[in-house]
Amino acid sequence: MTRQLALDLPCRPALGREDFLVTACNETAVAMIDRWPDWPGQALLLHGPTGSGKSHLAEVWRGRAGGILVDAKTLDVAMVPQLATAGAVVLDNAEQTRDWAALFHLVNLMREEGGFLLLLSTQPPGSWNISLADLASRLAAMQTTSISKPDDQLLGAVMLKMLADRQLRAPADLVPYLVSRIERSFTAAAAIIAALDREAMSERRGLSVALARKVLAQTQ
């Protein structure tokens, strides 16, 4: 069979609130995001494993709040005054902060300025290696919510959404087959859907369980 060159064409995922699928593993976190601006202390810490949907939910909130996104690995004290004027800030990878004093300053100044702060992390703050006692105390008192690994229902629904984002049609038995065989994360789901798309384009064939079996054998 002649193989067609598979181009890595851009896929534009839908990231609106209506596109965020709610099940038991994330409903508490979704309720807290929807509760904004009624956040105790004007801040929220959202933690969950990589690929659980934190970034999607943060983008939903950022769009509503008109905020900015900052990677905590780049945060320093000099940035804080300007960030505090933004009104709403998402701080990603919060547990990887390299300047704990900067984070302490940001938490305090955002509150003083009447702004809102959403911290994202993979672990709850009690497990972070924080060298500043005052910051540890602030974080311990902060409103915290979490997202767990997706259940079968959510993972399957997200994979259907990923297929729709790529304008791909799949037989009814494909997603259940994949859900039972991949790592339970959105990252793994995105990777297998992308791999299936490339292989289907390359072989000029439609999606099927047989094709999925072949791709899984190549990637696992």
C-alpha atoms as a PDB file:
ATOM      1  CA  MET A   1       0.000   0.000   0.000  1.00  0.00           C
ATOM      2  CA  THR A   2       1.294   3.436  -0.925  1.00  0.00           C
ATOM      3  CA  ARG A   3       1.778   5.609   2.159  1.00  0.00           C
ATOM      4  CA  GLN A   4       0.866   9.290   2.020  1.00  0.00           C
ATOM      5  CA  LEU A   5       3.043  11.871   3.751  1.00  0.00           C
ATOM      6  CA  ALA A   6       1.234  12.822   6.973  1.00  0.00           C
ATOM      7  CA  LEU A   7       1.487  16.563   7.529  1.00  0.00           C
ATOM      8  CA  ASP A   8       1.280  17.887  11.097  1.00  0.00           C
ATOM      9  CA  LEU A   9      -1.584  20.273  10.410  1.00  0.00           C
ATOM     10  CA  PRO A  10      -2.694  22.477  13.300  1.00  0.00           C
ATOM     11  CA  CYS A  11      -5.598  21.294  15.397  1.00  0.00           C
ATOM     12  CA  ARG A  12      -7.644  23.993  17.137  1.00  0.00           C
ATOM     13  CA  PRO A  13      -9.181  22.554  20.313  1.00  0.00           C
ATOM     14  CA  ALA A  14     -12.309  24.188  21.701  1.00  0.00           C
ATOM     15  CA  LEU A  15     -11.575  25.671  25.123  1.00  0.00           C
ATOM     16  CA  GLY A  16     -14.825  27.332  26.138  1.00  0.00           C
ATOM     17  CA  ARG A  17     -16.738  26.594  29.345  1.00  0.00           C
ATOM     18  CA  GLU A  18     -19.323  24.671  27.346  1.00  0.00           C
ATOM     19  CA  ASP A  19     -16.530  22.418  26.080  1.00  0.00           C
ATOM     20  CA  PHE A  20     -15.331  21.471  29.574  1.00  0.00           C
ATOM     21  CA  LEU A  21     -16.905  18.128  30.409  1.00  0.00           C
ATOM     22  CA  VAL A  22     -17.953  17.670  34.032  1.00  0.00           C
ATOM     23  CA  THR A  23     -17.957  14.371  35.934  1.00  0.00           C
ATOM     24  CA  ALA A  24     -17.266  13.332  39.523  1.00  0.00           C
ATOM     25  CA  CYS A  25     -13.500  13.740  39.130  1.00  0.00           C
ATOM     26  CA  ASN A  26     -13.698  17.486  38.444  1.00  0.00           C
ATOM     27  CA  GLU A  27     -17.118  18.776  39.504  1.00  0.00           C
ATOM     28  CA  THR A  28     -15.859  20.384  42.731  1.00  0.00           C
ATOM     29  CA  ALA A  29     -13.140  22.273  40.873  1.00  0.00           C
ATOM     30  CA  VAL A  30     -15.607  23.422  38.221  1.00  0.00           C
ATOM     31  CA  ALA A  31     -17.971  24.663  40.940  1.00  0.00           C
ATOM     32  CA  MET A  32     -15.164  26.710  42.505  1.00  0.00           C
ATOM     33  CA  ILE A  33     -14.225  28.274  39.163  1.00  0.00           C
ATOM     34  CA  ASP A  34     -17.892  29.072  38.497  1.00  0.00           C
ATOM     35  CA  ARG A  35     -18.135  30.614  41.967  1.00  0.00           C
ATOM     36  CA  TRP A  36     -15.727  33.427  40.986  1.00  0.00           C
ATOM     37  CA  PRO A  37     -15.581  36.280  41.949  1.00  0.00           C
ATOM     38  CA  ASP A  38     -16.834  34.973  45.285  1.00  0.00           C
ATOM     39  CA  TRP A  39     -13.488  33.440  46.263  1.00  0.00           C
ATOM     40  CA  PRO A  40     -12.387  33.613  49.896  1.00  0.00           C
ATOM     41  CA  GLY A  41      -9.267  35.764  50.046  1.00  0.00           C
ATOM     42  CA  GLN A  42      -9.608  36.450  46.265  1.00  0.00           C
ATOM     43  CA  ALA A  43      -7.422  33.426  45.512  1.00  0.00           C
ATOM     44  CA  LEU A  44      -7.790  29.768  44.572  1.00  0.00           C
ATOM     45  CA  LEU A  45      -5.247  26.957  44.342  1.00  0.00           C
ATOM     46  CA  LEU A  46      -6.159  24.229  41.844  1.00  0.00           C
ATOM     47  CA  HIS A  47      -4.062  21.070  41.828  1.00  0.00           C
ATOM     48  CA  GLY A  48      -4.236  17.825  39.902  1.00  0.00           C
ATOM     49  CA  PRO A  49      -2.067  15.468  37.836  1.00  0.00           C
ATOM     50  CA  THR A  50      -0.603  16.490  34.493  1.00  0.00           C
ATOM     51  CA  GLY A  51      -3.184  16.136  31.753  1.00  0.00           C
ATOM     52  CA  SER A  52      -6.196  16.305  34.090  1.00  0.00           C
ATOM     53  CA  GLY A  53      -7.680  19.484  32.592  1.00  0.00           C
ATOM     54  CA  LYS A  54      -6.317  22.205  34.890  1.00  0.00           C
ATOM     55  CA  SER A  55      -5.088  24.338  32.006  1.00  0.00           C
ATOM     56  CA  HIS A  56      -8.430  24.144  30.195  1.00  0.00           C
ATOM     57  CA  LEU A  57     -10.324  25.173  33.310  1.00  0.00           C
ATOM     58  CA  ALA A  58      -7.817  27.971  33.978  1.00  0.00           C
ATOM     59  CA  GLU A  59      -8.315  29.266  30.436  1.00  0.00           C
ATOM     60  CA  VAL A  60     -12.063  29.321  30.993  1.00  0.00           C
ATOM     61  CA  TRP A  61     -11.547  31.428  34.123  1.00  0.00           C
ATOM     62  CA  ARG A  62      -8.917  33.661  32.509  1.00  0.00           C
ATOM     63  CA  GLY A  63     -11.303  34.444  29.678  1.00  0.00           C
ATOM     64  CA  ARG A  64     -14.023  35.421  32.123  1.00  0.00           C
ATOM     65  CA  ALA A  65     -11.745  37.412  34.424  1.00  0.00           C
ATOM     66  CA  GLY A  66      -9.694  39.066  31.691  1.00  0.00           C
ATOM     67  CA  GLY A  67      -6.495  37.854  33.322  1.00  0.00           C
ATOM     68  CA  ILE A  68      -2.981  36.978  32.244  1.00  0.00           C
ATOM     69  CA  LEU A  69      -1.047  33.699  32.364  1.00  0.00           C
ATOM     70  CA  VAL A  70       2.401  33.492  33.965  1.00  0.00           C
ATOM     71  CA  ASP A  71       4.719  30.501  34.322  1.00  0.00           C
ATOM     72  CA  ALA A  72       5.887  30.389  37.957  1.00  0.00           C
ATOM     73  CA  LYS A  73       9.350  29.309  36.823  1.00  0.00           C
ATOM     74  CA  THR A  74       9.833  32.822  35.412  1.00  0.00           C
ATOM     75  CA  LEU A  75       8.436  34.719  38.409  1.00  0.00           C
ATOM     76  CA  ASP A  76      10.694  37.163  40.242  1.00  0.00           C
ATOM     77  CA  VAL A  77      10.128  40.035  42.661  1.00  0.00           C
ATOM     78  CA  ALA A  78      10.614  42.703  39.969  1.00  0.00           C
ATOM     79  CA  MET A  79       7.597  41.355  38.030  1.00  0.00           C
ATOM     80  CA  VAL A  80       5.165  41.432  40.942  1.00  0.00           C
ATOM     81  CA  PRO A  81       4.039  45.120  40.982  1.00  0.00           C
ATOM     82  CA  GLN A  82       3.096  45.029  37.305  1.00  0.00           C
ATOM     83  CA  LEU A  83       1.354  41.657  37.640  1.00  0.00           C
ATOM     84  CA  ALA A  84      -0.686  42.982  40.536  1.00  0.00           C
ATOM     85  CA  THR A  85      -2.183  45.653  38.268  1.00  0.00           C
ATOM     86  CA  ALA A  86      -3.581  43.003  35.900  1.00  0.00           C
ATOM     87  CA  GLY A  87      -6.587  42.342  38.113  1.00  0.00           C
ATOM     88  CA  ALA A  88      -6.492  38.586  37.494  1.00  0.00           C
ATOM     89  CA  VAL A  89      -3.476  36.266  37.201  1.00  0.00           C
ATOM     90  CA  VAL A  90      -3.100  32.539  36.509  1.00  0.00           C
ATOM     91  CA  LEU A  91       0.204  31.265  37.881  1.00  0.00           C
ATOM     92  CA  ASP A  92       1.005  27.926  36.243  1.00  0.00           C
ATOM     93  CA  ASN A  93       3.460  25.365  37.671  1.00  0.00           C
ATOM     94  CA  ALA A  94       3.214  27.085  41.055  1.00  0.00           C
ATOM     95  CA  GLU A  95       5.112  24.345  42.880  1.00  0.00           C
ATOM     96  CA  GLN A  96       8.079  24.992  40.564  1.00  0.00           C
ATOM     97  CA  THR A  97       8.459  28.603  41.725  1.00  0.00           C
ATOM     98  CA  ARG A  98      12.149  29.495  41.951  1.00  0.00           C
ATOM     99  CA  ASP A  99      11.674  32.667  43.997  1.00  0.00           C
ATOM    100  CA  TRP A 100       9.402  31.947  46.969  1.00  0.00           C
ATOM    101  CA  ALA A 101       9.692  35.553  48.162  1.00  0.00           C
ATOM    102  CA  ALA A 102       8.243  36.689  44.825  1.00  0.00           C
ATOM    103  CA  LEU A 103       5.269  34.376  45.204  1.00  0.00           C
ATOM    104  CA  PHE A 104       4.715  35.575  48.770  1.00  0.00           C
ATOM    105  CA  HIS A 105       4.811  39.176  47.545  1.00  0.00           C
ATOM    106  CA  LEU A 106       2.416  38.372  44.683  1.00  0.00           C
ATOM    107  CA  VAL A 107      -0.136  36.687  46.959  1.00  0.00           C
ATOM    108  CA  ASN A 108      -0.115  39.656  49.326  1.00  0.00           C
ATOM    109  CA  LEU A 109      -0.106  42.417  46.712  1.00  0.00           C
ATOM    110  CA  MET A 110      -2.849  40.865  44.586  1.00  0.00           C
ATOM    111  CA  ARG A 111      -5.069  40.810  47.652  1.00  0.00           C
ATOM    112  CA  GLU A 112      -4.181  44.391  48.608  1.00  0.00           C
ATOM    113  CA  GLU A 113      -4.930  45.588  45.072  1.00  0.00           C
ATOM    114  CA  GLY A 114      -8.248  43.756  44.966  1.00  0.00           C
ATOM    115  CA  GLY A 115      -7.099  41.342  42.257  1.00  0.00           C
ATOM    116  CA  PHE A 116      -7.683  37.619  41.872  1.00  0.00           C
ATOM    117  CA  LEU A 117      -5.044  34.883  41.772  1.00  0.00           C
ATOM    118  CA  LEU A 118      -5.422  31.330  40.457  1.00  0.00           C
ATOM    119  CA  LEU A 119      -2.508  29.004  41.244  1.00  0.00           C
ATOM    120  CA  LEU A 120      -2.078  25.755  39.297  1.00  0.00           C
ATOM    121  CA  SER A 121       0.038  22.847  40.510  1.00  0.00           C
ATOM    122  CA  THR A 122       0.311  19.090  40.245  1.00  0.00           C
ATOM    123  CA  GLN A 123       0.500  18.628  44.034  1.00  0.00           C
ATOM    124  CA  PRO A 124      -1.200  20.247  47.059  1.00  0.00           C
ATOM    125  CA  PRO A 125       0.909  22.997  48.687  1.00  0.00           C
ATOM    126  CA  GLY A 126       1.690  20.861  51.735  1.00  0.00           C
ATOM    127  CA  SER A 127       3.988  18.750  49.546  1.00  0.00           C
ATOM    128  CA  TRP A 128       5.878  21.681  47.973  1.00  0.00           C
ATOM    129  CA  ASN A 129       9.467  22.312  49.017  1.00  0.00           C
ATOM    130  CA  ILE A 130       8.773  25.839  50.310  1.00  0.00           C
ATOM    131  CA  SER A 131      11.685  27.571  52.029  1.00  0.00           C
ATOM    132  CA  LEU A 132       9.637  30.539  53.306  1.00  0.00           C
ATOM    133  CA  ALA A 133       7.514  29.842  56.387  1.00  0.00           C
ATOM    134  CA  ASP A 134       5.247  32.869  55.906  1.00  0.00           C
ATOM    135  CA  LEU A 135       4.397  31.742  52.367  1.00  0.00           C
ATOM    136  CA  ALA A 136       3.690  28.196  53.527  1.00  0.00           C
ATOM    137  CA  SER A 137       1.260  29.635  56.063  1.00  0.00           C
ATOM    138  CA  ARG A 138      -0.467  31.777  53.410  1.00  0.00           C
ATOM    139  CA  LEU A 139      -0.877  28.824  51.079  1.00  0.00           C
ATOM    140  CA  ALA A 140      -2.146  26.558  53.850  1.00  0.00           C
ATOM    141  CA  ALA A 141      -4.924  29.084  54.507  1.00  0.00           C
ATOM    142  CA  MET A 142      -5.789  29.543  50.816  1.00  0.00           C
ATOM    143  CA  GLN A 143      -8.939  28.019  49.322  1.00  0.00           C
ATOM    144  CA  THR A 144      -7.849  24.809  47.566  1.00  0.00           C
ATOM    145  CA  THR A 145      -9.594  22.469  45.141  1.00  0.00           C
ATOM    146  CA  SER A 146      -8.441  19.555  43.024  1.00  0.00           C
ATOM    147  CA  ILE A 147      -9.020  17.528  39.882  1.00  0.00           C
ATOM    148  CA  SER A 148      -8.311  13.810  39.944  1.00  0.00           C
ATOM    149  CA  LYS A 149      -7.380  11.560  37.045  1.00  0.00           C
ATOM    150  CA  PRO A 150     -10.243  11.306  34.543  1.00  0.00           C
ATOM    151  CA  ASP A 151     -12.675   8.425  34.918  1.00  0.00           C
ATOM    152  CA  ASP A 152     -13.744   6.255  31.957  1.00  0.00           C
ATOM    153  CA  GLN A 153     -16.769   8.418  31.219  1.00  0.00           C
ATOM    154  CA  LEU A 154     -14.802  11.660  31.097  1.00  0.00           C
ATOM    155  CA  LEU A 155     -11.817  10.215  29.231  1.00  0.00           C
ATOM    156  CA  GLY A 156     -14.121   8.768  26.585  1.00  0.00           C
ATOM    157  CA  ALA A 157     -16.045  12.023  26.215  1.00  0.00           C
ATOM    158  CA  VAL A 158     -12.817  14.017  25.906  1.00  0.00           C
ATOM    159  CA  MET A 159     -11.513  11.660  23.235  1.00  0.00           C
ATOM    160  CA  LEU A 160     -14.726  12.134  21.267  1.00  0.00           C
ATOM    161  CA  LYS A 161     -14.203  15.895  21.562  1.00  0.00           C
ATOM    162  CA  MET A 162     -10.605  15.531  20.369  1.00  0.00           C
ATOM    163  CA  LEU A 163     -11.816  13.566  17.360  1.00  0.00           C
ATOM    164  CA  ALA A 164     -14.395  16.270  16.621  1.00  0.00           C
ATOM    165  CA  ASP A 165     -11.730  18.987  16.958  1.00  0.00           C
ATOM    166  CA  ARG A 166      -9.797  17.179  14.223  1.00  0.00           C
ATOM    167  CA  GLN A 167     -12.963  16.590  12.173  1.00  0.00           C
ATOM    168  CA  LEU A 168     -12.414  12.836  12.374  1.00  0.00           C
ATOM    169  CA  ARG A 169     -15.116  10.186  12.211  1.00  0.00           C
ATOM    170  CA  ALA A 170     -14.700   7.000  14.216  1.00  0.00           C
ATOM    171  CA  PRO A 171     -16.711   3.804  14.648  1.00  0.00           C
ATOM    172  CA  ALA A 172     -18.635   3.432  17.904  1.00  0.00           C
ATOM    173  CA  ASP A 173     -16.308   0.765  19.276  1.00  0.00           C
ATOM    174  CA  LEU A 174     -13.081   2.764  18.830  1.00  0.00           C
ATOM    175  CA  VAL A 175     -13.190   5.068  21.870  1.00  0.00           C
ATOM    176  CA  PRO A 176     -14.168   2.337  24.380  1.00  0.00           C
ATOM    177  CA  TYR A 177     -11.336   0.215  22.974  1.00  0.00           C
ATOM    178  CA  LEU A 178      -8.830   3.034  23.505  1.00  0.00           C
ATOM    179  CA  VAL A 179     -10.109   4.061  26.959  1.00  0.00           C
ATOM    180  CA  SER A 180      -9.450   0.582  28.316  1.00  0.00           C
ATOM    181  CA  ARG A 181      -5.879   0.513  26.966  1.00  0.00           C
ATOM    182  CA  ILE A 182      -4.239   3.916  27.464  1.00  0.00           C
ATOM    183  CA  GLU A 183      -2.907   5.759  30.482  1.00  0.00           C
ATOM    184  CA  ARG A 184      -5.698   7.597  32.315  1.00  0.00           C
ATOM    185  CA  SER A 185      -4.790  11.151  31.346  1.00  0.00           C
ATOM    186  CA  PHE A 186      -5.788  13.738  28.774  1.00  0.00           C
ATOM    187  CA  THR A 187      -2.158  13.928  27.664  1.00  0.00           C
ATOM    188  CA  ALA A 188      -2.177  10.248  26.732  1.00  0.00           C
ATOM    189  CA  ALA A 189      -5.560  10.632  25.047  1.00  0.00           C
ATOM    190  CA  ALA A 190      -4.322  13.542  22.936  1.00  0.00           C
ATOM    191  CA  ALA A 191      -1.193  11.611  21.964  1.00  0.00           C
ATOM    192  CA  ILE A 192      -3.069   8.521  20.768  1.00  0.00           C
ATOM    193  CA  ILE A 193      -5.656  10.548  18.832  1.00  0.00           C
ATOM    194  CA  ALA A 194      -2.855  12.473  17.111  1.00  0.00           C
ATOM    195  CA  ALA A 195      -1.030   9.230  16.305  1.00  0.00           C
ATOM    196  CA  LEU A 196      -4.204   7.673  14.887  1.00  0.00           C
ATOM    197  CA  ASP A 197      -4.816  10.754  12.759  1.00  0.00           C
ATOM    198  CA  ARG A 198      -1.281  10.623  11.338  1.00  0.00           C
ATOM    199  CA  GLU A 199      -1.465   6.889  10.632  1.00  0.00           C
ATOM    200  CA  ALA A 200      -4.881   7.140   8.986  1.00  0.00           C
ATOM    201  CA  MET A 201      -3.651   9.941   6.733  1.00  0.00           C
ATOM    202  CA  SER A 202      -0.466   8.074   5.937  1.00  0.00           C
ATOM    203  CA  GLU A 203      -2.294   4.866   4.969  1.00  0.00           C
ATOM    204  CA  ARG A 204      -5.249   6.684   3.395  1.00  0.00           C
ATOM    205  CA  ARG A 205      -7.735   4.725   5.483  1.00  0.00           C
ATOM    206  CA  GLY A 206     -10.433   5.491   8.013  1.00  0.00           C
ATOM    207  CA  LEU A 207     -10.159   5.091  11.745  1.00  0.00           C
ATOM    208  CA  SER A 208     -10.862   1.623  13.106  1.00  0.00           C
ATOM    209  CA  VAL A 209     -10.063  -0.664  16.021  1.00  0.00           C
ATOM    210  CA  ALA A 210      -7.610  -2.517  13.770  1.00  0.00           C
ATOM    211  CA  LEU A 211      -5.758   0.712  13.079  1.00  0.00           C
ATOM    212  CA  ALA A 212      -5.825   1.579  16.789  1.00  0.00           C
ATOM    213  CA  ARG A 213      -4.380  -1.819  17.649  1.00  0.00           C
ATOM    214  CA  LYS A 214      -1.518  -1.200  15.235  1.00  0.00           C
ATOM    215  CA  VAL A 215      -0.809   2.308  16.580  1.00  0.00           C
ATOM    216  CA  LEU A 216      -0.888   1.128  20.189  1.00  0.00           C
ATOM    217  CA  ALA A 217       1.570  -1.652  19.360  1.00  0.00           C
ATOM    218  CA  GLN A 218       3.916   0.969  17.895  1.00  0.00           C
ATOM    219  CA  THR A 219       3.652   3.400  20.799  1.00  0.00           C
ATOM    220  CA  GLN A 220       3.548   1.186  23.887  1.00  0.00           C
END
